[in-house]
Protein backbone atom coordinates (compact mmCIF):
# COMPACT_ATOMS: atom_id res chain seq x y z
CA MET A 1 107.24 109.05 115.24
CA VAL A 2 107.62 112.24 113.19
CA ASN A 3 107.86 115.65 114.92
CA GLY A 4 106.26 114.20 118.04
CA LYS A 5 103.16 113.05 116.16
CA SER A 6 102.70 109.35 115.69
CA GLY A 7 101.97 108.37 112.10
CA VAL A 8 101.27 111.81 110.64
CA VAL A 9 103.81 113.39 108.30
CA PRO A 10 103.75 117.19 108.74
CA ILE A 11 102.84 119.24 105.69
CA TYR A 12 103.93 122.64 106.97
CA ASP A 13 106.41 123.49 109.72
CA PRO A 14 106.53 127.27 110.44
CA VAL A 15 109.95 127.00 112.10
CA LEU A 16 111.47 125.93 108.80
CA PHE A 17 109.90 128.71 106.70
CA ASP A 18 109.34 131.79 108.89
CA HIS A 19 112.75 133.29 108.05
CA LEU A 20 112.11 133.35 104.27
CA PRO A 21 110.95 136.52 102.46
CA PHE A 22 107.19 136.84 102.16
CA THR A 23 106.90 135.93 98.48
CA ILE A 24 108.98 132.76 98.70
CA TYR A 25 107.36 131.83 102.00
CA HIS A 26 103.90 132.36 100.50
CA LEU A 27 104.68 130.27 97.40
CA LEU A 28 106.17 127.45 99.44
CA ARG A 29 103.20 127.43 101.79
CA MET A 30 100.74 127.32 98.86
CA ARG A 31 102.70 124.47 97.28
CA MET A 32 102.79 122.53 100.52
CA LYS A 33 99.06 122.95 101.03
CA ARG A 34 98.49 121.13 97.74
CA LYS A 35 100.38 118.07 98.94
CA ALA A 36 98.15 115.25 100.07
CA LYS A 37 97.96 114.47 103.75
CA THR A 38 99.76 111.18 104.38
CA TYR A 39 99.63 108.57 107.12
CA THR A 40 102.10 105.89 108.14
CA ILE A 41 101.23 102.22 108.27
CA SER A 42 100.97 102.20 112.08
CA ALA A 43 98.56 105.15 112.10
CA VAL A 44 96.36 103.52 109.43
CA ALA A 45 96.44 100.15 111.20
CA ASP A 46 95.37 101.77 114.48
CA GLN A 47 92.66 103.85 112.82
CA TYR A 48 91.05 100.85 111.05
CA GLY A 49 91.72 98.17 113.62
CA VAL A 50 93.87 95.98 111.40
CA HIS A 51 97.35 94.61 111.90
CA PRO A 52 100.14 96.31 109.89
CA GLN A 53 100.87 92.90 108.33
CA THR A 54 97.35 92.93 106.88
CA LEU A 55 98.12 96.22 105.14
CA ARG A 56 101.39 94.78 103.87
CA LEU A 57 99.48 91.74 102.56
CA TYR A 58 97.00 94.00 100.75
CA GLU A 59 99.95 95.78 99.16
CA ARG A 60 101.62 92.50 98.20
CA GLU A 61 98.36 91.32 96.60
CA GLY A 62 98.13 94.59 94.64
CA LEU A 63 94.98 95.81 96.38
CA LEU A 64 96.67 98.88 97.91
CA LYS A 65 99.51 100.92 96.45
CA PRO A 66 100.78 103.36 99.08
CA SER A 67 103.48 105.80 98.08
CA ARG A 68 106.89 105.67 99.74
CA SER A 69 108.94 108.31 101.50
CA GLU A 70 112.63 108.82 100.81
CA GLY A 71 113.31 106.46 103.71
CA ASN A 72 111.02 103.84 102.06
CA THR A 73 108.26 104.27 104.65
CA ARG A 74 104.77 103.48 103.36
CA LEU A 75 102.67 106.63 103.12
CA TYR A 76 98.90 106.27 102.78
CA THR A 77 96.87 109.13 101.27
CA ASP A 78 93.14 109.83 101.58
CA PRO A 79 92.35 107.95 98.32
CA ASP A 80 94.33 104.98 99.70
CA LEU A 81 92.21 105.11 102.85
CA GLU A 82 89.00 105.22 100.81
CA ARG A 83 90.16 102.14 98.92
CA LEU A 84 91.07 100.43 102.20
CA GLU A 85 87.60 101.18 103.56
CA LEU A 86 86.08 99.52 100.51
CA ILE A 87 88.36 96.49 100.89
CA LEU A 88 87.48 96.16 104.57
CA SER A 89 83.78 96.55 103.83
CA LEU A 90 83.92 93.82 101.20
CA THR A 91 85.89 91.42 103.37
CA ARG A 92 84.30 92.11 106.78
CA ASP A 93 80.71 92.94 105.91
CA LEU A 94 80.16 90.88 102.76
CA GLY A 95 82.61 88.03 103.33
CA VAL A 96 84.37 88.48 99.99
CA ASN A 97 87.81 86.83 99.76
CA LEU A 98 90.85 88.73 98.46
CA ALA A 99 90.57 87.25 94.97
CA GLY A 100 86.98 88.50 94.82
CA VAL A 101 88.03 91.90 96.15
CA GLU A 102 90.63 92.14 93.39
CA ILE A 103 88.02 91.33 90.72
CA ILE A 104 85.57 93.86 92.15
CA LEU A 105 88.20 96.61 92.35
CA ASN A 106 89.32 95.91 88.77
CA MET A 107 85.72 96.02 87.56
CA ARG A 108 85.16 99.33 89.35
CA GLU A 109 88.27 100.81 87.70
CA LYS A 110 87.11 99.63 84.27
CA MET A 111 83.63 101.03 84.88
CA ASN A 112 85.12 104.38 85.92
CA ALA A 113 87.30 104.43 82.80
CA MET A 114 84.28 103.61 80.63
CA GLN A 115 82.26 106.35 82.33
CA GLN A 116 85.02 108.89 81.65
CA GLU A 117 85.26 107.72 78.04
CA PHE A 118 81.51 108.07 77.63
CA GLU A 119 81.58 111.58 79.13
CA ARG A 120 84.39 112.62 76.76
CA PHE A 121 82.45 111.21 73.80
CA PHE A 122 79.27 112.97 74.94
CA GLN A 123 81.16 116.28 75.27
CA TYR A 124 82.56 115.75 71.78
CA LEU A 125 79.08 115.16 70.42
CA GLN A 126 77.77 118.27 72.16
CA SER A 127 80.60 120.44 70.89
CA HIS A 128 80.21 119.13 67.32
CA ALA A 129 76.41 118.87 67.27
CA GLU A 130 75.97 121.47 64.56
CA GLU A 131 78.50 119.80 62.29
CA LEU A 132 76.88 116.42 62.83
CA THR A 133 73.35 117.69 62.11
CA ASN A 134 74.53 119.11 58.79
CA PHE A 135 76.35 115.90 57.95
CA GLY A 136 73.40 114.41 56.06
CA GLU A 137 73.25 117.18 53.47
CA PRO A 138 75.86 117.13 50.72
CA PRO A 139 77.78 120.32 50.01
CA ALA A 140 76.62 122.52 47.16
CA GLU A 141 77.71 121.36 43.77
CA GLY A 142 81.21 122.52 42.83
CA THR A 143 82.11 123.62 46.40
CA SER A 144 83.30 120.27 47.69
CA ASP A 145 86.96 119.50 48.31
CA ALA A 146 86.30 115.82 47.56
CA LEU A 147 88.39 113.96 45.03
CA VAL A 148 85.23 112.77 43.28
CA THR A 149 82.35 115.23 43.25
CA LEU A 150 78.82 113.90 43.53
CA THR A 151 75.63 115.50 42.39
CA ARG A 152 72.68 115.74 44.78
CA ALA A 153 70.80 113.15 42.71
CA ALA A 154 73.65 110.64 43.06
CA VAL A 155 73.69 111.11 46.85
CA LEU A 156 69.93 110.60 47.08
CA ARG A 157 70.14 107.45 44.91
CA ARG A 158 72.86 106.00 47.17
CA ARG A 159 70.81 106.73 50.28
CA SER A 160 67.70 105.05 48.88
CA VAL A 161 69.72 101.98 47.84
CA SER A 162 71.41 101.67 51.25
CA ARG A 163 68.09 101.98 53.15
CA SER A 164 66.39 99.26 51.12
């Protein structure tokens, strides 16, 4: 139990900060608002109707990775709870075993990484679209910084040979 609230770690306690000057108080309060809301293992177990040992098993199997407090207490954040909901949905609703859950979660992570990579590549293409559209035309003769300069006729001959 923390500050009389079971399972919830307080983010802001006015008693601790009310005596500080306004600017420091304001900065500390803004910084504390950015911290993620965390829940203890007992609060999460109660909320989702699972035994705390089940959550410990999920952690041991690498399915959940809660952060730890200075006292080594497991602290679950909202993304941890979303992941737990997915795990419970897979196991309870679809009958997937933990090995299957691990494979599914790994595949989802890889798909998300691929999606982000694709979006970065697409943004690159959009930002360099003009350069890429002009890529097919050789620079004017004598203006190239190339080690070996090519005439327009040589470029056209190479293109026709490569397309054949």
